[in-house]
């Protein structure tokens, strides 16, 4: 069993920053893939950023240059630093990990960007 705990969401104004964290615990031997997805009201869930076990990163075009994904392997934690937030970044953000036992989703954390 694997548990994911997300934190760092909140309400900010356009141009401000937030940092999301997602800590994994439980029966984890290895984490291959860690990533962040988001789902805005009325829209499908979409990938925001992913990072492999070797540190390779991929970003959605809409967040390139503004968001940075990183991971701390010792803590089984993935982070998402979000800068220059825009109104359209408003969504529920979910972390996802793929381990030796399967894929897991976090419960989601709300990010609201509003003036």
N, C-alpha and C. Protein backbone atom coordinates (compact mmCIF):
# COMPACT_ATOMS: atom_id res chain seq x y z
N UNK A 1 0.84 -1.19 0.00
CA UNK A 1 0.00 0.00 0.00
C UNK A 1 0.88 1.24 0.00
N UNK A 2 0.52 2.20 -0.85
CA UNK A 2 1.27 3.44 -0.98
C UNK A 2 0.34 4.61 -0.70
N UNK A 3 0.79 5.54 0.09
CA UNK A 3 0.01 6.74 0.39
C UNK A 3 0.75 7.97 -0.12
N UNK A 4 -0.02 8.89 -0.67
CA UNK A 4 0.53 10.16 -1.14
C UNK A 4 -0.14 11.29 -0.38
N UNK A 5 0.68 12.20 0.12
CA UNK A 5 0.16 13.35 0.84
C UNK A 5 0.66 14.61 0.15
N UNK A 6 -0.28 15.39 -0.33
CA UNK A 6 0.05 16.64 -1.04
C UNK A 6 -0.13 17.83 -0.11
N UNK A 7 0.64 18.87 -0.38
CA UNK A 7 0.49 20.11 0.38
C UNK A 7 0.98 21.27 -0.47
N UNK A 8 0.60 22.48 -0.05
CA UNK A 8 1.10 23.68 -0.69
C UNK A 8 0.12 24.43 -1.56
N UNK A 9 -1.06 23.90 -1.76
CA UNK A 9 -2.04 24.63 -2.56
C UNK A 9 -2.56 25.85 -1.82
N UNK A 10 -3.32 26.68 -2.53
CA UNK A 10 -3.89 27.85 -1.88
C UNK A 10 -4.41 28.85 -2.88
N UNK A 11 -4.70 30.03 -2.35
CA UNK A 11 -5.23 31.13 -3.15
C UNK A 11 -4.16 32.21 -3.29
N UNK A 12 -3.85 32.55 -4.53
CA UNK A 12 -2.84 33.58 -4.79
C UNK A 12 -3.33 34.51 -5.88
N UNK A 13 -2.63 35.62 -6.02
CA UNK A 13 -2.94 36.57 -7.08
C UNK A 13 -2.07 36.28 -8.31
N UNK A 14 -2.50 36.72 -9.46
CA UNK A 14 -1.68 36.53 -10.66
C UNK A 14 -0.27 37.09 -10.46
N UNK A 15 0.71 36.33 -10.93
CA UNK A 15 2.10 36.73 -10.80
C UNK A 15 2.79 36.20 -9.56
N UNK A 16 2.03 35.70 -8.63
CA UNK A 16 2.62 35.15 -7.41
C UNK A 16 3.07 33.70 -7.60
N UNK A 17 3.62 33.15 -6.52
CA UNK A 17 4.20 31.81 -6.60
C UNK A 17 3.60 30.88 -5.54
N UNK A 18 3.68 29.61 -5.83
CA UNK A 18 3.32 28.55 -4.87
C UNK A 18 4.27 27.38 -5.08
N UNK A 19 4.45 26.61 -4.03
CA UNK A 19 5.25 25.40 -4.13
C UNK A 19 4.43 24.23 -3.61
N UNK A 20 4.20 23.27 -4.46
CA UNK A 20 3.48 22.06 -4.08
C UNK A 20 4.47 20.96 -3.70
N UNK A 21 4.05 20.16 -2.73
CA UNK A 21 4.85 19.01 -2.32
C UNK A 21 3.97 17.77 -2.32
N UNK A 22 4.57 16.64 -2.61
CA UNK A 22 3.86 15.37 -2.56
C UNK A 22 4.81 14.32 -2.00
N UNK A 23 4.48 13.83 -0.82
CA UNK A 23 5.32 12.84 -0.15
C UNK A 23 4.68 11.47 -0.24
N UNK A 24 5.46 10.50 -0.65
CA UNK A 24 4.97 9.13 -0.77
C UNK A 24 5.50 8.29 0.39
N UNK A 25 4.64 7.42 0.89
CA UNK A 25 5.05 6.52 1.96
C UNK A 25 4.38 5.17 1.76
N UNK A 26 4.90 4.17 2.47
CA UNK A 26 4.33 2.84 2.36
C UNK A 26 5.31 1.87 1.74
N UNK A 27 4.78 0.88 1.08
CA UNK A 27 5.59 -0.19 0.52
C UNK A 27 6.17 0.25 -0.83
N UNK A 28 7.29 0.96 -0.72
CA UNK A 28 7.93 1.49 -1.92
C UNK A 28 9.34 0.96 -1.99
N UNK A 29 9.63 0.25 -3.06
CA UNK A 29 10.99 -0.21 -3.29
C UNK A 29 11.72 0.76 -4.20
N UNK A 30 11.01 1.20 -5.23
CA UNK A 30 11.59 2.17 -6.15
C UNK A 30 10.49 2.97 -6.81
N UNK A 31 10.78 4.24 -7.06
CA UNK A 31 9.85 5.12 -7.76
C UNK A 31 10.44 5.43 -9.12
N UNK A 32 9.74 5.06 -10.15
CA UNK A 32 10.25 5.27 -11.50
C UNK A 32 9.88 6.63 -12.05
N UNK A 33 8.67 7.05 -11.78
CA UNK A 33 8.12 8.23 -12.43
C UNK A 33 7.36 9.03 -11.39
N UNK A 34 7.56 10.31 -11.39
CA UNK A 34 6.81 11.19 -10.51
C UNK A 34 6.32 12.36 -11.36
N UNK A 35 5.11 12.78 -11.11
CA UNK A 35 4.60 13.86 -11.93
C UNK A 35 3.47 14.61 -11.28
N UNK A 36 3.13 15.71 -11.90
CA UNK A 36 2.01 16.54 -11.47
C UNK A 36 1.04 16.69 -12.64
N UNK A 37 -0.22 16.53 -12.32
CA UNK A 37 -1.31 16.72 -13.28
C UNK A 37 -2.26 17.75 -12.69
N UNK A 38 -3.13 18.28 -13.50
CA UNK A 38 -4.13 19.21 -12.99
C UNK A 38 -5.43 19.05 -13.74
N UNK A 39 -6.50 19.44 -13.06
CA UNK A 39 -7.82 19.36 -13.66
C UNK A 39 -8.60 20.61 -13.28
N UNK A 40 -8.93 21.38 -14.28
CA UNK A 40 -9.74 22.57 -14.08
C UNK A 40 -11.22 22.20 -14.22
N UNK A 41 -12.10 22.99 -13.65
CA UNK A 41 -13.54 22.69 -13.76
C UNK A 41 -13.98 22.55 -15.20
N UNK A 42 -14.67 21.45 -15.49
CA UNK A 42 -15.19 21.23 -16.83
C UNK A 42 -14.17 20.76 -17.85
N UNK A 43 -12.95 20.52 -17.40
CA UNK A 43 -11.90 20.09 -18.32
C UNK A 43 -11.33 18.75 -17.90
N UNK A 44 -10.65 18.11 -18.84
CA UNK A 44 -10.01 16.84 -18.54
C UNK A 44 -8.71 17.05 -17.77
N UNK A 45 -8.34 16.04 -17.04
CA UNK A 45 -7.06 16.10 -16.33
C UNK A 45 -5.94 16.12 -17.35
N UNK A 46 -4.95 16.97 -17.10
CA UNK A 46 -3.84 17.11 -18.04
C UNK A 46 -2.52 17.06 -17.29
N UNK A 47 -1.50 16.64 -18.00
CA UNK A 47 -0.17 16.58 -17.40
C UNK A 47 0.40 17.99 -17.32
N UNK A 48 1.07 18.25 -16.22
CA UNK A 48 1.74 19.53 -16.02
C UNK A 48 3.25 19.37 -16.17
N UNK A 49 3.79 18.41 -15.42
CA UNK A 49 5.23 18.18 -15.47
C UNK A 49 5.51 16.79 -14.93
N UNK A 50 6.55 16.18 -15.46
CA UNK A 50 6.96 14.85 -15.00
C UNK A 50 8.46 14.82 -14.85
N UNK A 51 8.92 13.92 -13.98
CA UNK A 51 10.35 13.74 -13.77
C UNK A 51 10.62 12.26 -13.60
N UNK A 52 11.62 11.78 -14.31
CA UNK A 52 11.95 10.37 -14.24
C UNK A 52 12.90 10.09 -13.09
N UNK A 53 13.19 8.82 -12.89
CA UNK A 53 14.11 8.43 -11.83
C UNK A 53 15.51 8.96 -12.06
N UNK A 54 15.82 9.27 -13.32
CA UNK A 54 17.15 9.80 -13.65
C UNK A 54 17.17 11.32 -13.67
N UNK A 55 16.02 11.93 -13.37
CA UNK A 55 15.97 13.38 -13.30
C UNK A 55 15.58 14.08 -14.58
N UNK A 56 15.24 13.34 -15.60
CA UNK A 56 14.79 13.98 -16.83
C UNK A 56 13.40 14.57 -16.62
N UNK A 57 13.20 15.76 -17.13
CA UNK A 57 11.94 16.45 -16.91
C UNK A 57 11.24 16.79 -18.22
N UNK A 58 9.94 16.84 -18.15
CA UNK A 58 9.10 17.23 -19.28
C UNK A 58 7.99 18.13 -18.76
N UNK A 59 7.70 19.18 -19.51
CA UNK A 59 6.69 20.14 -19.08
C UNK A 59 5.64 20.35 -20.16
N UNK A 60 4.44 20.66 -19.72
CA UNK A 60 3.42 21.11 -20.66
C UNK A 60 3.85 22.47 -21.21
N UNK A 61 3.52 22.72 -22.46
CA UNK A 61 3.91 23.98 -23.07
C UNK A 61 3.39 25.18 -22.29
N UNK A 62 2.24 25.03 -21.69
CA UNK A 62 1.61 26.15 -21.00
C UNK A 62 2.34 26.57 -19.73
N UNK A 63 3.23 25.72 -19.22
CA UNK A 63 3.92 26.06 -17.97
C UNK A 63 5.43 26.17 -18.12
N UNK A 64 5.93 25.89 -19.31
CA UNK A 64 7.38 25.96 -19.54
C UNK A 64 7.91 27.34 -19.20
N UNK A 65 9.01 27.35 -18.46
CA UNK A 65 9.63 28.61 -18.07
C UNK A 65 9.04 29.21 -16.81
N UNK A 66 7.93 28.68 -16.33
CA UNK A 66 7.30 29.19 -15.11
C UNK A 66 7.30 28.16 -13.98
N UNK A 67 7.14 26.90 -14.32
CA UNK A 67 7.07 25.83 -13.32
C UNK A 67 8.34 25.00 -13.36
N UNK A 68 8.72 24.49 -12.20
CA UNK A 68 9.88 23.61 -12.10
C UNK A 68 9.53 22.42 -11.23
N UNK A 69 9.73 21.23 -11.78
CA UNK A 69 9.50 20.00 -11.02
C UNK A 69 10.85 19.48 -10.51
N UNK A 70 10.84 18.96 -9.30
CA UNK A 70 12.05 18.38 -8.72
C UNK A 70 11.65 17.25 -7.79
N UNK A 71 12.62 16.44 -7.42
CA UNK A 71 12.31 15.32 -6.53
C UNK A 71 13.46 15.11 -5.55
N UNK A 72 13.09 14.62 -4.40
CA UNK A 72 14.06 14.24 -3.37
C UNK A 72 13.89 12.74 -3.17
N UNK A 73 14.78 11.98 -3.74
CA UNK A 73 14.64 10.53 -3.69
C UNK A 73 14.74 9.99 -2.27
N UNK A 74 15.53 10.62 -1.46
CA UNK A 74 15.69 10.14 -0.08
C UNK A 74 14.39 10.28 0.71
N UNK A 75 13.59 11.27 0.33
CA UNK A 75 12.33 11.52 1.04
C UNK A 75 11.12 11.03 0.25
N UNK A 76 11.35 10.43 -0.91
CA UNK A 76 10.23 10.00 -1.77
C UNK A 76 9.23 11.13 -1.99
N UNK A 77 9.78 12.29 -2.28
CA UNK A 77 8.95 13.49 -2.40
C UNK A 77 9.20 14.17 -3.74
N UNK A 78 8.11 14.67 -4.31
CA UNK A 78 8.21 15.44 -5.54
C UNK A 78 7.64 16.83 -5.28
N UNK A 79 8.26 17.81 -5.89
CA UNK A 79 7.87 19.20 -5.69
C UNK A 79 7.48 19.84 -7.03
N UNK A 80 6.67 20.86 -6.94
CA UNK A 80 6.35 21.66 -8.12
C UNK A 80 6.41 23.13 -7.70
N UNK A 81 7.45 23.80 -8.15
CA UNK A 81 7.58 25.23 -7.91
C UNK A 81 6.86 25.96 -9.03
N UNK A 82 5.86 26.74 -8.67
CA UNK A 82 5.05 27.44 -9.66
C UNK A 82 5.24 28.93 -9.50
N UNK A 83 5.83 29.55 -10.49
CA UNK A 83 6.06 30.99 -10.48
C UNK A 83 5.21 31.67 -11.54
N UNK A 84 5.06 32.96 -11.40
CA UNK A 84 4.30 33.76 -12.38
C UNK A 84 2.95 33.12 -12.70
N UNK A 85 2.24 32.79 -11.64
CA UNK A 85 0.97 32.09 -11.83
C UNK A 85 -0.03 32.95 -12.57
N UNK A 86 -0.83 32.29 -13.39
CA UNK A 86 -1.85 32.94 -14.21
C UNK A 86 -3.24 32.45 -13.80
N UNK A 87 -4.24 33.21 -14.19
CA UNK A 87 -5.61 32.82 -13.88
C UNK A 87 -5.90 31.42 -14.38
N UNK A 88 -5.36 31.10 -15.55
CA UNK A 88 -5.66 29.80 -16.17
C UNK A 88 -4.93 28.64 -15.51
N UNK A 89 -4.10 28.92 -14.52
CA UNK A 89 -3.46 27.84 -13.75
C UNK A 89 -4.38 27.32 -12.65
N UNK A 90 -5.50 27.95 -12.47
CA UNK A 90 -6.45 27.51 -11.44
C UNK A 90 -6.94 26.10 -11.75
N UNK A 91 -6.78 25.21 -10.78
CA UNK A 91 -7.16 23.81 -10.97
C UNK A 91 -6.89 23.04 -9.69
N UNK A 92 -7.35 21.82 -9.68
CA UNK A 92 -6.92 20.88 -8.64
C UNK A 92 -5.68 20.17 -9.19
N UNK A 93 -4.63 20.20 -8.41
CA UNK A 93 -3.37 19.60 -8.82
C UNK A 93 -3.19 18.25 -8.12
N UNK A 94 -2.86 17.26 -8.93
CA UNK A 94 -2.68 15.89 -8.43
C UNK A 94 -1.25 15.43 -8.68
N UNK A 95 -0.67 14.80 -7.70
CA UNK A 95 0.61 14.17 -7.97
C UNK A 95 0.36 12.71 -8.35
N UNK A 96 1.28 12.18 -9.08
CA UNK A 96 1.20 10.80 -9.53
C UNK A 96 2.58 10.20 -9.45
N UNK A 97 2.64 8.98 -8.92
CA UNK A 97 3.91 8.27 -8.92
C UNK A 97 3.68 6.89 -9.50
N UNK A 98 4.71 6.37 -10.12
CA UNK A 98 4.70 4.99 -10.62
C UNK A 98 5.87 4.28 -9.95
N UNK A 99 5.53 3.25 -9.20
CA UNK A 99 6.55 2.52 -8.45
C UNK A 99 6.66 1.10 -8.98
N UNK A 100 7.43 0.31 -8.27
CA UNK A 100 7.59 -1.08 -8.63
C UNK A 100 6.30 -1.87 -8.47
N UNK A 101 5.33 -1.31 -7.74
CA UNK A 101 4.07 -2.03 -7.50
C UNK A 101 2.90 -1.45 -8.27
N UNK A 102 3.10 -0.33 -8.95
CA UNK A 102 2.00 0.24 -9.74
C UNK A 102 1.97 1.74 -9.70
N UNK A 103 0.87 2.32 -10.22
CA UNK A 103 0.71 3.76 -10.26
C UNK A 103 -0.26 4.24 -9.20
N UNK A 104 0.01 5.42 -8.65
CA UNK A 104 -0.80 5.94 -7.56
C UNK A 104 -1.04 7.43 -7.75
N UNK A 105 -2.24 7.86 -7.36
CA UNK A 105 -2.61 9.26 -7.42
C UNK A 105 -2.72 9.84 -6.01
N UNK A 106 -2.35 11.09 -5.88
CA UNK A 106 -2.62 11.82 -4.66
C UNK A 106 -4.06 12.29 -4.64
N UNK A 107 -4.53 12.77 -3.50
CA UNK A 107 -5.93 13.20 -3.37
C UNK A 107 -6.23 14.51 -4.06
N UNK A 108 -5.20 15.29 -4.37
CA UNK A 108 -5.39 16.57 -5.03
C UNK A 108 -5.30 17.73 -4.06
N UNK A 109 -4.80 18.84 -4.56
CA UNK A 109 -4.75 20.07 -3.78
C UNK A 109 -5.18 21.22 -4.68
N UNK A 110 -6.01 22.08 -4.14
CA UNK A 110 -6.59 23.17 -4.93
C UNK A 110 -5.61 24.33 -5.05
N UNK A 111 -5.43 24.79 -6.27
CA UNK A 111 -4.67 26.01 -6.55
C UNK A 111 -5.62 26.98 -7.23
N UNK A 112 -5.81 28.12 -6.63
CA UNK A 112 -6.70 29.14 -7.18
C UNK A 112 -5.91 30.43 -7.39
N UNK A 113 -5.93 30.90 -8.62
CA UNK A 113 -5.27 32.16 -8.96
C UNK A 113 -6.37 33.16 -9.31
N UNK A 114 -6.46 34.19 -8.49
CA UNK A 114 -7.55 35.15 -8.66
C UNK A 114 -7.10 36.54 -8.26
N UNK A 115 -7.58 37.53 -8.99
CA UNK A 115 -7.27 38.91 -8.63
C UNK A 115 -8.39 39.48 -7.77
